[in-house]
């Protein structure tokens, strides 16, 4: 039971990262490698702040701010510097590694014995691992509600239009550069916030904890879309969180079968590849089924 509750809690926390990547990967329609740098950046900023006596809430908000700045840097390199988005993301991701070392003063920083969002008086009174479920639900609900509200505003509609058709958006007077800069900034802010939550939940921050994060975040999005099918934009946001939880259960099952935990990134890549191939396989099966029926 504890393992299941833990998987749900982890899924909710990592769902924040999935929502962050959804803004760039699905709405703006471009891959952003900055996430593998902003995730540990958020963890580093939060861990360093908490270690210096800053309240966990403020430390988490500082992590969001740091991630937003990193995302803005990527957005500016892409839109104003005319650097390809993949390369712009890699440049910022590389830079954040040194920044993280500067912030923490070492390769990893422990939060053992420190007050975090996950060990408040109320959360400590809950059964084991329920603290991450309760806090995860609250945070993911707030973030999802804010994104849904934002996407219904004029600014949000301009943001969606930029991702759908940049040429048409420009003809309507929308500054696509500003929309892209804003989107990458907010996206990486959420991912850094997710890094801060993961660091507090795990009890440490590490400069290498961003490796493979983009695969995990993509898995949340893809699994949610494959499992729940055709959805509205708002439903897809919720499906991303549910996909994150389902992904945790898939990983839990795989590890229960005896696979080595050191192979987690390999397993994650394989799981993501399988789910990404499902739509193509379903389409091929339908075409073949239709052809066979027509032949009869």
Protein backbone atom coordinates (compact mmCIF):
# COMPACT_ATOMS: atom_id res chain seq x y z
CA UNK A 1 0.00 0.00 0.00
CA UNK A 2 2.82 2.40 0.90
CA UNK A 3 4.48 1.82 -2.47
CA UNK A 4 1.24 2.65 -4.31
CA UNK A 5 0.70 5.82 -2.28
CA UNK A 6 4.31 6.83 -2.88
CA UNK A 7 3.90 6.29 -6.65
CA UNK A 8 0.79 8.50 -6.68
CA UNK A 9 2.59 11.20 -4.71
CA UNK A 10 5.60 11.07 -7.03
CA UNK A 11 3.29 11.20 -10.04
CA UNK A 12 1.54 14.32 -8.76
CA UNK A 13 4.83 16.09 -8.04
CA UNK A 14 6.33 15.17 -11.40
CA UNK A 15 3.07 16.21 -13.02
CA UNK A 16 4.18 19.80 -12.43
CA UNK A 17 7.16 19.19 -14.73
CA UNK A 18 4.83 17.60 -17.28
CA UNK A 19 2.57 20.67 -17.27
CA UNK A 20 5.59 22.92 -17.71
CA UNK A 21 6.80 21.01 -20.74
CA UNK A 22 3.25 20.87 -22.15
CA UNK A 23 3.35 24.64 -22.68
CA UNK A 24 6.32 24.44 -25.05
CA UNK A 25 6.12 20.92 -26.47
CA UNK A 26 2.38 20.82 -27.20
CA UNK A 27 1.20 24.45 -27.37
CA UNK A 28 4.22 26.25 -28.85
CA UNK A 29 5.20 23.09 -30.74
CA UNK A 30 8.95 23.09 -30.23
CA UNK A 31 11.32 21.01 -28.10
CA UNK A 32 13.07 22.81 -25.27
CA UNK A 33 16.22 21.20 -23.89
CA UNK A 34 16.51 23.88 -21.20
CA UNK A 35 14.38 21.69 -18.95
CA UNK A 36 17.31 19.43 -18.10
CA UNK A 37 19.08 22.49 -16.71
CA UNK A 38 16.19 24.32 -15.07
CA UNK A 39 15.02 21.26 -13.16
CA UNK A 40 18.26 20.97 -11.11
CA UNK A 41 18.45 24.78 -11.04
CA UNK A 42 15.14 24.93 -9.19
CA UNK A 43 16.31 22.18 -6.85
CA UNK A 44 19.63 23.97 -6.21
CA UNK A 45 18.05 27.37 -5.53
CA UNK A 46 15.43 25.89 -3.21
CA UNK A 47 17.89 23.68 -1.32
CA UNK A 48 20.39 26.51 -0.88
CA UNK A 49 17.68 28.90 0.30
CA UNK A 50 16.21 26.41 2.78
CA UNK A 51 19.70 25.62 4.08
CA UNK A 52 20.17 29.32 4.80
CA UNK A 53 16.96 29.54 6.80
CA UNK A 54 14.59 30.82 4.12
CA UNK A 55 11.01 29.59 4.46
CA UNK A 56 10.17 26.64 2.17
CA UNK A 57 7.37 28.57 0.44
CA UNK A 58 9.64 31.49 -0.40
CA UNK A 59 12.44 29.11 -1.41
CA UNK A 60 10.06 27.34 -3.81
CA UNK A 61 8.97 30.67 -5.31
CA UNK A 62 12.62 31.67 -5.72
CA UNK A 63 13.17 28.43 -7.62
CA UNK A 64 10.27 29.32 -9.92
CA UNK A 65 11.83 32.75 -10.51
CA UNK A 66 15.24 31.28 -11.28
CA UNK A 67 13.74 28.81 -13.76
CA UNK A 68 11.77 31.61 -15.42
CA UNK A 69 14.96 33.64 -15.91
CA UNK A 70 16.69 30.64 -17.48
CA UNK A 71 13.71 30.11 -19.78
CA UNK A 72 13.72 33.80 -20.75
CA UNK A 73 17.40 33.46 -21.67
CA UNK A 74 16.56 30.56 -23.98
CA UNK A 75 13.64 32.47 -25.47
CA UNK A 76 15.78 35.52 -26.16
CA UNK A 77 18.55 33.46 -27.74
CA UNK A 78 15.95 31.83 -29.99
CA UNK A 79 13.86 34.85 -30.98
CA UNK A 80 16.37 37.72 -30.88
CA UNK A 81 19.66 35.86 -31.31
CA UNK A 82 18.20 33.66 -34.07
CA UNK A 83 19.83 30.57 -32.53
CA UNK A 84 17.94 27.31 -33.24
CA UNK A 85 15.74 26.37 -30.30
CA UNK A 86 17.50 23.08 -29.62
CA UNK A 87 20.92 24.75 -29.55
CA UNK A 88 19.62 27.68 -27.47
CA UNK A 89 18.26 25.23 -24.91
CA UNK A 90 21.49 23.25 -24.83
CA UNK A 91 23.52 26.44 -24.31
CA UNK A 92 21.41 27.52 -21.33
CA UNK A 93 21.29 23.96 -19.97
CA UNK A 94 25.10 23.79 -20.08
CA UNK A 95 25.44 27.17 -18.38
CA UNK A 96 23.08 26.21 -15.55
CA UNK A 97 25.36 23.34 -14.54
CA UNK A 98 28.06 25.79 -13.46
CA UNK A 99 25.45 28.09 -11.95
CA UNK A 100 24.07 25.23 -9.85
CA UNK A 101 27.54 24.45 -8.53
CA UNK A 102 27.95 28.11 -7.61
CA UNK A 103 24.60 28.22 -5.86
CA UNK A 104 25.10 25.07 -3.79
CA UNK A 105 28.86 25.35 -3.42
CA UNK A 106 29.17 21.60 -4.06
CA UNK A 107 27.81 18.84 -6.28
CA UNK A 108 24.94 17.99 -3.91
CA UNK A 109 23.25 19.52 -0.92
CA UNK A 110 21.31 17.65 1.75
CA UNK A 111 18.10 18.93 3.33
CA UNK A 112 18.22 16.42 6.16
CA UNK A 113 16.83 17.99 9.33
CA UNK A 114 15.63 21.11 7.47
CA UNK A 115 12.06 22.34 7.44
CA UNK A 116 10.48 21.77 4.01
CA UNK A 117 7.01 21.89 2.49
CA UNK A 118 6.68 18.16 3.08
CA UNK A 119 7.30 18.05 6.83
CA UNK A 120 4.88 20.59 8.24
CA UNK A 121 2.91 19.78 11.38
CA UNK A 122 -0.24 18.71 9.52
CA UNK A 123 1.62 16.68 6.88
CA UNK A 124 3.69 14.91 9.53
CA UNK A 125 0.47 13.70 11.18
CA UNK A 126 -0.55 11.84 8.00
CA UNK A 127 0.28 8.18 7.28
CA UNK A 128 3.58 7.51 5.49
CA UNK A 129 3.86 9.04 1.98
CA UNK A 130 0.45 10.71 2.20
CA UNK A 131 2.20 14.06 2.66
CA UNK A 132 3.36 14.04 -0.97
CA UNK A 133 -0.12 13.03 -2.16
CA UNK A 134 -1.92 15.80 -0.25
CA UNK A 135 0.60 18.52 -1.08
CA UNK A 136 0.92 17.29 -4.65
CA UNK A 137 -2.84 17.43 -5.16
CA UNK A 138 -3.04 20.98 -3.80
CA UNK A 139 -0.16 22.28 -5.91
CA UNK A 140 -1.15 20.52 -9.14
CA UNK A 141 -4.76 21.69 -8.74
CA UNK A 142 -3.67 25.32 -8.29
CA UNK A 143 -1.26 25.24 -11.23
CA UNK A 144 -3.76 23.50 -13.53
CA UNK A 145 -6.50 25.99 -12.62
CA UNK A 146 -4.18 28.94 -13.30
CA UNK A 147 -3.13 27.55 -16.70
CA UNK A 148 -6.74 26.82 -17.69
CA UNK A 149 -7.78 30.34 -16.72
CA UNK A 150 -4.80 31.85 -18.54
CA UNK A 151 -5.50 29.96 -21.77
CA UNK A 152 -9.04 31.39 -21.81
CA UNK A 153 -7.81 35.00 -21.67
CA UNK A 154 -6.96 37.08 -24.74
CA UNK A 155 -3.27 36.69 -23.96
CA UNK A 156 -3.71 32.94 -23.62
CA UNK A 157 -5.55 32.73 -26.94
CA UNK A 158 -2.73 34.69 -28.57
CA UNK A 159 -0.29 32.23 -27.02
CA UNK A 160 -2.20 29.25 -28.46
CA UNK A 161 -2.48 30.95 -31.87
CA UNK A 162 1.29 31.45 -31.92
CA UNK A 163 1.80 27.72 -31.53
CA UNK A 164 -0.92 26.76 -34.01
CA UNK A 165 0.05 29.09 -36.84
CA UNK A 166 2.77 31.74 -36.26
CA UNK A 167 2.22 33.31 -39.70
CA UNK A 168 -1.49 33.80 -39.11
CA UNK A 169 -0.80 35.04 -35.57
CA UNK A 170 1.54 37.72 -36.94
CA UNK A 171 -1.08 38.80 -39.47
CA UNK A 172 -3.47 39.34 -36.55
CA UNK A 173 -0.98 41.67 -34.88
CA UNK A 174 0.28 39.16 -32.30
CA UNK A 175 3.94 39.47 -31.34
CA UNK A 176 4.94 35.83 -31.75
CA UNK A 177 8.43 36.53 -30.39
CA UNK A 178 6.98 37.84 -27.13
CA UNK A 179 4.59 34.89 -26.91
CA UNK A 180 7.43 32.43 -27.37
CA UNK A 181 9.66 34.18 -24.85
CA UNK A 182 6.81 34.24 -22.33
CA UNK A 183 5.94 30.60 -22.97
CA UNK A 184 9.50 29.33 -22.57
CA UNK A 185 9.93 31.46 -19.45
CA UNK A 186 6.77 30.23 -17.70
CA UNK A 187 7.40 26.65 -18.83
CA UNK A 188 10.87 26.56 -17.31
CA UNK A 189 9.61 28.35 -14.21
CA UNK A 190 7.16 25.49 -13.62
CA UNK A 191 9.86 22.91 -14.30
CA UNK A 192 12.19 24.60 -11.79
CA UNK A 193 9.31 24.66 -9.31
CA UNK A 194 8.92 20.94 -9.90
CA UNK A 195 12.65 20.53 -9.25
CA UNK A 196 12.26 22.38 -5.96
CA UNK A 197 9.40 20.08 -4.93
CA UNK A 198 11.33 16.94 -5.89
CA UNK A 199 14.39 18.15 -3.96
CA UNK A 200 12.32 18.82 -0.83
CA UNK A 201 10.53 15.49 -1.14
CA UNK A 202 13.75 13.53 -1.71
CA UNK A 203 15.71 15.48 0.90
CA UNK A 204 18.56 16.64 -1.33
CA UNK A 205 19.53 18.51 -4.49
CA UNK A 206 22.15 17.29 -6.96
CA UNK A 207 23.66 18.93 -10.04
CA UNK A 208 23.08 15.77 -12.09
CA UNK A 209 19.43 15.25 -11.16
CA UNK A 210 18.27 16.81 -14.43
CA UNK A 211 19.52 13.96 -16.61
CA UNK A 212 16.57 12.29 -18.34
CA UNK A 213 13.99 14.75 -16.97
CA UNK A 214 12.76 15.66 -20.45
CA UNK A 215 12.01 11.98 -21.13
CA UNK A 216 9.99 11.66 -17.91
CA UNK A 217 8.06 14.87 -18.66
CA UNK A 218 7.36 13.76 -22.22
CA UNK A 219 6.19 10.40 -20.91
CA UNK A 220 3.57 12.17 -18.78
CA UNK A 221 2.24 14.02 -21.81
CA UNK A 222 2.35 11.12 -24.28
CA UNK A 223 0.92 8.50 -21.90
CA UNK A 224 -1.94 10.82 -20.97
CA UNK A 225 -2.78 11.45 -24.63
CA UNK A 226 -2.51 7.79 -25.66
CA UNK A 227 -4.55 6.42 -22.76
CA UNK A 228 -7.33 9.03 -22.77
CA UNK A 229 -7.53 9.68 -26.54
CA UNK A 230 -9.05 12.80 -28.13
CA UNK A 231 -9.39 15.54 -25.52
CA UNK A 232 -9.95 19.27 -25.25
CA UNK A 233 -7.07 21.51 -24.23
CA UNK A 234 -8.23 21.66 -20.59
CA UNK A 235 -8.72 17.91 -20.47
CA UNK A 236 -5.23 17.36 -21.89
CA UNK A 237 -3.76 19.32 -18.99
CA UNK A 238 -5.48 17.00 -16.52
CA UNK A 239 -4.51 13.98 -18.63
CA UNK A 240 -0.85 15.05 -18.36
CA UNK A 241 -0.98 14.75 -14.57
CA UNK A 242 -2.80 11.42 -14.80
CA UNK A 243 -0.21 10.30 -17.34
CA UNK A 244 2.53 11.18 -14.86
CA UNK A 245 0.88 8.98 -12.23
CA UNK A 246 0.42 6.12 -14.73
CA UNK A 247 4.07 6.44 -15.74
CA UNK A 248 5.10 6.01 -12.09
CA UNK A 249 3.02 2.84 -11.89
CA UNK A 250 4.63 1.50 -15.07
CA UNK A 251 8.09 2.14 -13.62
CA UNK A 252 7.02 0.59 -10.31
CA UNK A 253 5.83 -2.56 -12.10
CA UNK A 254 9.05 -2.78 -14.12
CA UNK A 255 11.23 -2.43 -11.02
CA UNK A 256 9.06 -4.96 -9.16
CA UNK A 257 9.83 -7.45 -11.93
CA UNK A 258 13.47 -7.31 -10.90
CA UNK A 259 15.03 -4.77 -13.23
CA UNK A 260 18.00 -2.78 -11.92
CA UNK A 261 17.24 0.74 -10.69
CA UNK A 262 20.39 1.89 -12.49
CA UNK A 263 18.59 1.18 -15.74
CA UNK A 264 15.79 3.63 -14.93
CA UNK A 265 16.67 6.10 -17.71
CA UNK A 266 16.86 3.24 -20.23
CA UNK A 267 13.51 1.91 -19.04
CA UNK A 268 11.99 5.40 -19.22
CA UNK A 269 13.17 5.84 -22.80
CA UNK A 270 11.77 2.45 -23.81
CA UNK A 271 8.41 3.14 -22.13
CA UNK A 272 8.17 6.52 -23.87
CA UNK A 273 9.10 5.02 -27.24
CA UNK A 274 6.43 2.34 -26.90
CA UNK A 275 3.68 4.81 -26.05
CA UNK A 276 4.77 7.15 -28.86
CA UNK A 277 4.47 4.26 -31.35
CA UNK A 278 0.98 3.26 -30.17
CA UNK A 279 -0.95 5.84 -32.30
CA UNK A 280 0.94 4.81 -35.45
CA UNK A 281 0.35 1.12 -34.69
CA UNK A 282 -3.36 1.73 -34.05
CA UNK A 283 -3.66 3.67 -37.30
CA UNK A 284 -1.93 0.91 -39.25
CA UNK A 285 -4.17 -1.71 -37.65
CA UNK A 286 -7.30 0.26 -38.55
CA UNK A 287 -6.16 0.70 -42.14
CA UNK A 288 -5.42 -3.01 -42.44
CA UNK A 289 -8.75 -3.90 -40.81
CA UNK A 290 -10.60 -1.57 -43.20
CA UNK A 291 -8.74 -3.03 -46.18
CA UNK A 292 -9.60 -6.59 -45.14
CA UNK A 293 -13.25 -5.71 -44.66
CA UNK A 294 -13.33 -4.04 -48.05
CA UNK A 295 -11.70 -7.11 -49.61
CA UNK A 296 -14.46 -9.28 -48.26
